[in-house]
Amino acid sequence: MEINIPTKLSEIALGDFQLYMKSQQTDEDKLKYLLKLSDAVVRAIKRTDFELLVSKIDELLNEEVEFNPFMTIAGKKYGFIPNFEDMTNAEFMDLDSSINDIQTLHTALAVMFRLVVEEKGEKYSIMEYNPTYGFDEIMKQAPLNVALG
């Protein structure tokens, strides 16, 4: 059996982490949700390998994360909101209601990160905010290091 072990938080999707956080958060759940293994595979792993996998995941989850203003999801570049001072009231309300709960963090990310529509050197502009576009569901695919950063 071959199991792909993430070596960086960027290899774990926010949505998978949310599923893990919603679970009982056992060592088995770590393998099930963060490595995307079935219950049958988790039960079939040799105990020494199981402990090694859990240890590797624990190391990853304890890594310090840094802010990253850009991420790519499905080949599309998303940029962090360039100026919080220009945030609309709708953006603020949606961000304020979703930022403090890991289960709604994808909604907060949809406010903070949007499709980059133009870049000139280090300057960039992002798509206007519209919660009906459904970007919150796309943000479940965000790399965990960006989501937590």
N, C-alpha and C. Protein backbone atom coordinates (compact mmCIF):
# COMPACT_ATOMS: atom_id res chain seq x y z
N MET A 1 0.85 -1.17 0.00
CA MET A 1 0.00 0.00 0.00
C MET A 1 0.90 1.24 0.00
N GLU A 2 0.53 2.21 -0.81
CA GLU A 2 1.28 3.46 -0.88
C GLU A 2 0.38 4.59 -0.44
N ILE A 3 0.87 5.40 0.50
CA ILE A 3 0.10 6.51 1.04
C ILE A 3 0.90 7.79 0.82
N ASN A 4 0.26 8.78 0.21
CA ASN A 4 0.92 10.07 0.01
C ASN A 4 0.78 10.90 1.28
N ILE A 5 1.92 11.29 1.82
CA ILE A 5 1.93 12.07 3.05
C ILE A 5 2.26 13.52 2.69
N PRO A 6 1.42 14.46 3.06
CA PRO A 6 1.74 15.86 2.79
C PRO A 6 3.02 16.26 3.53
N THR A 7 3.83 17.06 2.87
CA THR A 7 5.07 17.53 3.51
C THR A 7 4.96 18.99 3.91
N LYS A 8 3.86 19.66 3.45
CA LYS A 8 3.63 21.06 3.79
C LYS A 8 2.13 21.27 3.98
N LEU A 9 1.80 22.26 4.76
CA LEU A 9 0.38 22.57 4.97
C LEU A 9 -0.33 22.95 3.68
N SER A 10 0.42 23.45 2.72
CA SER A 10 -0.19 23.84 1.44
C SER A 10 -0.76 22.64 0.69
N GLU A 11 -0.41 21.44 1.10
CA GLU A 11 -0.90 20.23 0.44
C GLU A 11 -2.19 19.70 1.08
N ILE A 12 -2.68 20.41 2.09
CA ILE A 12 -3.94 20.04 2.75
C ILE A 12 -4.95 21.14 2.44
N ALA A 13 -6.14 20.75 2.01
CA ALA A 13 -7.20 21.72 1.69
C ALA A 13 -7.94 22.13 2.96
N LEU A 14 -8.36 23.38 2.99
CA LEU A 14 -9.13 23.89 4.13
C LEU A 14 -10.35 23.01 4.39
N GLY A 15 -11.06 22.61 3.35
CA GLY A 15 -12.27 21.80 3.52
C GLY A 15 -11.99 20.48 4.22
N ASP A 16 -10.86 19.86 3.91
CA ASP A 16 -10.48 18.61 4.58
C ASP A 16 -10.18 18.86 6.05
N PHE A 17 -9.51 19.98 6.33
CA PHE A 17 -9.21 20.34 7.71
C PHE A 17 -10.50 20.63 8.47
N GLN A 18 -11.45 21.28 7.83
CA GLN A 18 -12.74 21.56 8.47
C GLN A 18 -13.45 20.25 8.83
N LEU A 19 -13.41 19.27 7.93
CA LEU A 19 -14.01 17.97 8.22
C LEU A 19 -13.34 17.32 9.43
N TYR A 20 -12.02 17.40 9.47
CA TYR A 20 -11.29 16.85 10.61
C TYR A 20 -11.70 17.56 11.90
N MET A 21 -11.77 18.89 11.88
CA MET A 21 -12.12 19.66 13.07
C MET A 21 -13.55 19.39 13.52
N LYS A 22 -14.42 19.00 12.60
CA LYS A 22 -15.81 18.69 12.92
C LYS A 22 -15.94 17.28 13.51
N SER A 23 -14.91 16.46 13.29
CA SER A 23 -14.93 15.07 13.76
C SER A 23 -14.53 15.01 15.24
N GLN A 24 -14.33 13.81 15.73
CA GLN A 24 -13.89 13.61 17.11
C GLN A 24 -12.42 13.98 17.29
N GLN A 25 -11.72 14.25 16.19
CA GLN A 25 -10.31 14.64 16.17
C GLN A 25 -9.39 13.57 16.76
N THR A 26 -9.72 12.33 16.48
CA THR A 26 -8.86 11.23 16.91
C THR A 26 -7.72 11.08 15.93
N ASP A 27 -6.75 10.26 16.28
CA ASP A 27 -5.66 9.99 15.36
C ASP A 27 -6.18 9.33 14.09
N GLU A 28 -7.19 8.48 14.23
CA GLU A 28 -7.79 7.85 13.05
C GLU A 28 -8.43 8.91 12.15
N ASP A 29 -9.08 9.90 12.76
CA ASP A 29 -9.69 10.98 11.99
C ASP A 29 -8.63 11.78 11.23
N LYS A 30 -7.47 11.97 11.82
CA LYS A 30 -6.40 12.68 11.12
C LYS A 30 -6.09 11.99 9.80
N LEU A 31 -5.96 10.67 9.85
CA LEU A 31 -5.64 9.93 8.63
C LEU A 31 -6.82 9.92 7.66
N LYS A 32 -8.00 9.78 8.21
CA LYS A 32 -9.20 9.71 7.38
C LYS A 32 -9.44 11.02 6.62
N TYR A 33 -9.37 12.14 7.31
CA TYR A 33 -9.72 13.41 6.68
C TYR A 33 -8.54 14.13 6.05
N LEU A 34 -7.39 14.10 6.68
CA LEU A 34 -6.26 14.87 6.17
C LEU A 34 -5.46 14.11 5.12
N LEU A 35 -5.48 12.78 5.19
CA LEU A 35 -4.83 11.98 4.16
C LEU A 35 -5.84 11.37 3.20
N LYS A 36 -7.12 11.58 3.49
CA LYS A 36 -8.22 11.09 2.66
C LYS A 36 -8.20 9.56 2.51
N LEU A 37 -8.02 8.89 3.64
CA LEU A 37 -8.00 7.43 3.65
C LEU A 37 -9.34 6.90 4.13
N SER A 38 -9.75 5.78 3.60
CA SER A 38 -11.00 5.17 4.04
C SER A 38 -10.80 4.52 5.41
N ASP A 39 -11.91 4.26 6.08
CA ASP A 39 -11.85 3.58 7.38
C ASP A 39 -11.14 2.23 7.24
N ALA A 40 -11.43 1.51 6.16
CA ALA A 40 -10.82 0.19 5.95
C ALA A 40 -9.30 0.31 5.82
N VAL A 41 -8.83 1.31 5.10
CA VAL A 41 -7.38 1.49 4.94
C VAL A 41 -6.76 1.88 6.27
N VAL A 42 -7.40 2.78 7.00
CA VAL A 42 -6.87 3.18 8.31
C VAL A 42 -6.73 1.98 9.23
N ARG A 43 -7.71 1.10 9.23
CA ARG A 43 -7.66 -0.10 10.08
C ARG A 43 -6.59 -1.09 9.61
N ALA A 44 -6.27 -1.09 8.32
CA ALA A 44 -5.32 -2.05 7.77
C ALA A 44 -3.85 -1.63 7.91
N ILE A 45 -3.61 -0.38 8.28
CA ILE A 45 -2.24 0.11 8.39
C ILE A 45 -1.55 -0.53 9.60
N LYS A 46 -0.30 -0.95 9.40
CA LYS A 46 0.48 -1.49 10.54
C LYS A 46 0.60 -0.42 11.61
N ARG A 47 0.58 -0.85 12.85
CA ARG A 47 0.58 0.10 13.98
C ARG A 47 1.79 1.04 13.93
N THR A 48 2.97 0.53 13.62
CA THR A 48 4.15 1.40 13.57
C THR A 48 4.01 2.44 12.46
N ASP A 49 3.44 2.05 11.32
CA ASP A 49 3.22 3.00 10.23
C ASP A 49 2.14 4.02 10.61
N PHE A 50 1.12 3.54 11.31
CA PHE A 50 0.05 4.41 11.78
C PHE A 50 0.63 5.51 12.67
N GLU A 51 1.45 5.12 13.63
CA GLU A 51 2.05 6.08 14.55
C GLU A 51 2.96 7.06 13.82
N LEU A 52 3.68 6.57 12.81
CA LEU A 52 4.56 7.44 12.03
C LEU A 52 3.73 8.47 11.25
N LEU A 53 2.65 8.03 10.63
CA LEU A 53 1.78 8.94 9.88
C LEU A 53 1.17 10.01 10.79
N VAL A 54 0.69 9.60 11.93
CA VAL A 54 0.10 10.55 12.88
C VAL A 54 1.16 11.56 13.33
N SER A 55 2.35 11.08 13.58
CA SER A 55 3.45 11.97 14.00
C SER A 55 3.77 13.00 12.92
N LYS A 56 3.80 12.57 11.66
CA LYS A 56 4.09 13.48 10.54
C LYS A 56 2.99 14.54 10.42
N ILE A 57 1.75 14.12 10.57
CA ILE A 57 0.64 15.07 10.48
C ILE A 57 0.69 16.05 11.65
N ASP A 58 0.98 15.55 12.85
CA ASP A 58 1.10 16.44 14.01
C ASP A 58 2.18 17.50 13.79
N GLU A 59 3.30 17.09 13.21
CA GLU A 59 4.37 18.05 12.91
C GLU A 59 3.85 19.13 11.97
N LEU A 60 3.14 18.72 10.93
CA LEU A 60 2.59 19.68 9.97
C LEU A 60 1.63 20.65 10.65
N LEU A 61 0.74 20.12 11.46
CA LEU A 61 -0.27 20.96 12.09
C LEU A 61 0.32 21.92 13.12
N ASN A 62 1.52 21.64 13.57
CA ASN A 62 2.18 22.51 14.53
C ASN A 62 3.13 23.51 13.88
N GLU A 63 3.23 23.47 12.55
CA GLU A 63 4.08 24.42 11.84
C GLU A 63 3.54 25.83 11.98
N GLU A 64 4.45 26.78 12.04
CA GLU A 64 4.02 28.17 12.02
C GLU A 64 3.63 28.52 10.60
N VAL A 65 2.60 29.33 10.45
CA VAL A 65 2.16 29.74 9.13
C VAL A 65 2.45 31.22 8.95
N GLU A 66 2.71 31.59 7.71
CA GLU A 66 2.97 32.98 7.39
C GLU A 66 1.88 33.48 6.46
N PHE A 67 1.65 34.77 6.51
CA PHE A 67 0.68 35.38 5.62
C PHE A 67 1.16 35.27 4.18
N ASN A 68 0.27 34.89 3.30
CA ASN A 68 0.56 34.83 1.88
C ASN A 68 -0.57 35.56 1.15
N PRO A 69 -0.26 36.64 0.41
CA PRO A 69 -1.33 37.42 -0.21
C PRO A 69 -1.92 36.79 -1.48
N PHE A 70 -1.36 35.68 -1.94
CA PHE A 70 -1.87 35.05 -3.16
C PHE A 70 -1.98 33.55 -2.97
N MET A 71 -2.90 32.97 -3.71
CA MET A 71 -3.02 31.52 -3.78
C MET A 71 -3.63 31.17 -5.13
N THR A 72 -3.42 29.93 -5.53
CA THR A 72 -3.98 29.44 -6.78
C THR A 72 -4.88 28.25 -6.48
N ILE A 73 -6.08 28.31 -7.00
CA ILE A 73 -7.05 27.21 -6.86
C ILE A 73 -7.56 26.89 -8.25
N ALA A 74 -7.43 25.65 -8.64
CA ALA A 74 -7.90 25.19 -9.96
C ALA A 74 -7.36 26.07 -11.08
N GLY A 75 -6.09 26.45 -10.95
CA GLY A 75 -5.43 27.22 -12.00
C GLY A 75 -5.77 28.70 -12.03
N LYS A 76 -6.55 29.17 -11.06
CA LYS A 76 -6.92 30.58 -11.02
C LYS A 76 -6.26 31.25 -9.82
N LYS A 77 -5.74 32.46 -10.06
CA LYS A 77 -5.03 33.20 -9.01
C LYS A 77 -5.99 34.07 -8.22
N TYR A 78 -5.89 33.95 -6.90
CA TYR A 78 -6.69 34.74 -5.97
C TYR A 78 -5.75 35.64 -5.18
N GLY A 79 -6.17 36.88 -4.96
CA GLY A 79 -5.36 37.83 -4.21
C GLY A 79 -6.11 38.35 -3.00
N PHE A 80 -5.33 38.66 -1.98
CA PHE A 80 -5.87 39.20 -0.73
C PHE A 80 -6.40 40.61 -0.99
N ILE A 81 -7.46 40.95 -0.33
CA ILE A 81 -8.06 42.27 -0.50
C ILE A 81 -6.98 43.34 -0.29
N PRO A 82 -6.70 44.15 -1.31
CA PRO A 82 -5.55 45.07 -1.25
C PRO A 82 -5.65 46.18 -0.20
N ASN A 83 -6.88 46.61 0.13
CA ASN A 83 -7.01 47.74 1.04
C ASN A 83 -8.24 47.53 1.92
N PHE A 84 -7.99 47.18 3.18
CA PHE A 84 -9.10 46.98 4.10
C PHE A 84 -9.88 48.27 4.37
N GLU A 85 -9.24 49.40 4.18
CA GLU A 85 -9.92 50.69 4.39
C GLU A 85 -11.05 50.89 3.40
N ASP A 86 -10.96 50.26 2.22
CA ASP A 86 -11.98 50.41 1.19
C ASP A 86 -13.06 49.33 1.25
N MET A 87 -13.05 48.52 2.30
CA MET A 87 -14.01 47.44 2.44
C MET A 87 -15.42 47.99 2.57
N THR A 88 -16.35 47.35 1.89
CA THR A 88 -17.76 47.77 2.00
C THR A 88 -18.35 47.22 3.31
N ASN A 89 -19.50 47.75 3.67
CA ASN A 89 -20.17 47.27 4.87
C ASN A 89 -20.57 45.80 4.71
N ALA A 90 -21.01 45.42 3.51
CA ALA A 90 -21.38 44.01 3.26
C ALA A 90 -20.17 43.10 3.47
N GLU A 91 -19.03 43.50 2.95
CA GLU A 91 -17.80 42.71 3.13
C GLU A 91 -17.47 42.59 4.61
N PHE A 92 -17.54 43.71 5.32
CA PHE A 92 -17.21 43.69 6.75
C PHE A 92 -18.16 42.78 7.52
N MET A 93 -19.45 42.88 7.26
CA MET A 93 -20.43 42.07 7.99
C MET A 93 -20.22 40.58 7.71
N ASP A 94 -19.97 40.22 6.45
CA ASP A 94 -19.75 38.82 6.11
C ASP A 94 -18.45 38.30 6.72
N LEU A 95 -17.43 39.13 6.71
CA LEU A 95 -16.15 38.75 7.30
C LEU A 95 -16.28 38.61 8.81
N ASP A 96 -16.90 39.58 9.43
CA ASP A 96 -17.05 39.58 10.89
C ASP A 96 -17.85 38.37 11.39
N SER A 97 -18.84 37.94 10.60
CA SER A 97 -19.68 36.83 11.04
C SER A 97 -19.06 35.46 10.76
N SER A 98 -17.97 35.41 10.00
CA SER A 98 -17.43 34.10 9.62
C SER A 98 -15.97 33.86 9.99
N ILE A 99 -15.26 34.86 10.44
CA ILE A 99 -13.81 34.74 10.64
C ILE A 99 -13.43 33.94 11.89
N ASN A 100 -14.28 33.88 12.89
CA ASN A 100 -13.90 33.29 14.17
C ASN A 100 -14.23 31.81 14.33
N ASP A 101 -14.79 31.19 13.32
CA ASP A 101 -15.17 29.79 13.41
C ASP A 101 -14.53 29.03 12.25
N ILE A 102 -13.77 27.99 12.55
CA ILE A 102 -13.09 27.22 11.52
C ILE A 102 -14.10 26.65 10.52
N GLN A 103 -15.33 26.39 10.94
CA GLN A 103 -16.34 25.82 10.05
C GLN A 103 -16.88 26.83 9.04
N THR A 104 -16.66 28.12 9.27
CA THR A 104 -17.09 29.14 8.32
C THR A 104 -15.91 29.93 7.75
N LEU A 105 -14.70 29.45 8.01
CA LEU A 105 -13.51 30.17 7.53
C LEU A 105 -13.49 30.29 6.01
N HIS A 106 -14.04 29.32 5.30
CA HIS A 106 -14.09 29.41 3.83
C HIS A 106 -14.90 30.62 3.38
N THR A 107 -15.93 30.99 4.13
CA THR A 107 -16.73 32.17 3.81
C THR A 107 -15.91 33.44 4.04
N ALA A 108 -15.15 33.46 5.12
CA ALA A 108 -14.27 34.61 5.38
C ALA A 108 -13.21 34.73 4.29
N LEU A 109 -12.68 33.60 3.84
CA LEU A 109 -11.68 33.63 2.77
C LEU A 109 -12.27 34.18 1.48
N ALA A 110 -13.55 33.90 1.21
CA ALA A 110 -14.19 34.42 0.00
C ALA A 110 -14.32 35.94 0.04
N VAL A 111 -14.32 36.51 1.24
CA VAL A 111 -14.32 37.97 1.37
C VAL A 111 -12.90 38.49 1.20
N MET A 112 -11.94 37.84 1.84
CA MET A 112 -10.57 38.33 1.86
C MET A 112 -9.78 38.04 0.59
N PHE A 113 -10.07 36.93 -0.09
CA PHE A 113 -9.35 36.55 -1.31
C PHE A 113 -10.33 36.47 -2.47
N ARG A 114 -9.99 37.17 -3.55
CA ARG A 114 -10.84 37.14 -4.74
C ARG A 114 -9.98 37.02 -5.99
N LEU A 115 -10.63 36.65 -7.06
CA LEU A 115 -9.90 36.49 -8.32
C LEU A 115 -9.13 37.76 -8.66
N VAL A 116 -7.87 37.58 -9.04
CA VAL A 116 -7.07 38.71 -9.50
C VAL A 116 -7.50 39.01 -10.93
N VAL A 117 -7.90 40.26 -11.19
CA VAL A 117 -8.37 40.63 -12.52
C VAL A 117 -7.32 41.42 -13.30
N GLU A 118 -6.39 42.04 -12.58
CA GLU A 118 -5.35 42.81 -13.26
C GLU A 118 -4.12 42.91 -12.37
N GLU A 119 -2.96 42.81 -13.00
CA GLU A 119 -1.69 42.95 -12.28
C GLU A 119 -0.77 43.88 -13.06
N LYS A 120 -0.13 44.77 -12.33
CA LYS A 120 0.89 45.65 -12.91
C LYS A 120 2.02 45.74 -11.90
N GLY A 121 3.10 45.01 -12.15
CA GLY A 121 4.19 44.95 -11.19
C GLY A 121 3.71 44.32 -9.91
N GLU A 122 3.91 45.02 -8.80
CA GLU A 122 3.46 44.50 -7.51
C GLU A 122 2.02 44.89 -7.18
N LYS A 123 1.43 45.74 -7.99
CA LYS A 123 0.05 46.18 -7.77
C LYS A 123 -0.90 45.21 -8.48
N TYR A 124 -2.06 45.04 -7.89
CA TYR A 124 -3.06 44.17 -8.49
C TYR A 124 -4.45 44.61 -8.06
N SER A 125 -5.43 44.22 -8.84
CA SER A 125 -6.81 44.47 -8.46
C SER A 125 -7.55 43.14 -8.47
N ILE A 126 -8.57 43.07 -7.63
CA ILE A 126 -9.34 41.84 -7.50
C ILE A 126 -10.79 42.08 -7.91
N MET A 127 -11.48 41.00 -8.16
CA MET A 127 -12.90 41.05 -8.52
C MET A 127 -13.70 41.71 -7.39
N GLU A 128 -14.72 42.44 -7.79
CA GLU A 128 -15.61 43.05 -6.79
C GLU A 128 -16.28 41.97 -5.96
N TYR A 129 -16.62 42.31 -4.74
CA TYR A 129 -17.25 41.35 -3.84
C TYR A 129 -18.72 41.15 -4.19
N ASN A 130 -19.11 39.89 -4.30
CA ASN A 130 -20.51 39.54 -4.50
C ASN A 130 -20.69 38.14 -3.92
N PRO A 131 -21.35 38.02 -2.78
CA PRO A 131 -21.47 36.72 -2.12
C PRO A 131 -22.27 35.70 -2.92
N THR A 132 -23.02 36.13 -3.92
CA THR A 132 -23.81 35.18 -4.70
C THR A 132 -22.99 34.42 -5.74
N TYR A 133 -21.72 34.80 -5.93
CA TYR A 133 -20.88 34.11 -6.91
C TYR A 133 -20.49 32.70 -6.47
N GLY A 134 -20.61 32.40 -5.19
CA GLY A 134 -20.31 31.06 -4.71
C GLY A 134 -18.85 30.77 -4.47
N PHE A 135 -18.04 31.79 -4.31
CA PHE A 135 -16.61 31.57 -4.08
C PHE A 135 -16.34 30.94 -2.72
N ASP A 136 -17.29 31.02 -1.79
CA ASP A 136 -17.07 30.41 -0.48
C ASP A 136 -16.88 28.90 -0.62
N GLU A 137 -17.61 28.26 -1.51
CA GLU A 137 -17.43 26.82 -1.70
C GLU A 137 -16.08 26.52 -2.35
N ILE A 138 -15.64 27.36 -3.26
CA ILE A 138 -14.33 27.20 -3.89
C ILE A 138 -13.23 27.32 -2.84
N MET A 139 -13.42 28.20 -1.86
CA MET A 139 -12.40 28.43 -0.84
C MET A 139 -12.19 27.22 0.06
N LYS A 140 -13.07 26.24 0.01
CA LYS A 140 -12.82 25.00 0.76
C LYS A 140 -11.63 24.26 0.18
N GLN A 141 -11.24 24.60 -1.04
CA GLN A 141 -10.07 24.01 -1.68
C GLN A 141 -8.79 24.81 -1.40
N ALA A 142 -8.91 25.90 -0.66
CA ALA A 142 -7.75 26.76 -0.37
C ALA A 142 -6.69 25.97 0.38
N PRO A 143 -5.43 26.22 0.07
CA PRO A 143 -4.36 25.57 0.82
C PRO A 143 -4.43 25.97 2.30
N LEU A 144 -4.25 25.02 3.18
CA LEU A 144 -4.42 25.28 4.60
C LEU A 144 -3.44 26.34 5.11
N ASN A 145 -2.24 26.39 4.57
CA ASN A 145 -1.28 27.40 5.05
C ASN A 145 -1.77 28.81 4.76
N VAL A 146 -2.44 29.01 3.62
CA VAL A 146 -2.97 30.34 3.29
C VAL A 146 -4.19 30.64 4.17
N ALA A 147 -5.05 29.65 4.33
CA ALA A 147 -6.26 29.85 5.13
C ALA A 147 -5.93 30.20 6.59
N LEU A 148 -4.92 29.58 7.12
CA LEU A 148 -4.56 29.84 8.53
C LEU A 148 -3.61 31.02 8.69
N GLY A 149 -3.02 31.46 7.58
CA GLY A 149 -2.07 32.57 7.63
C GLY A 149 -2.79 33.88 7.72
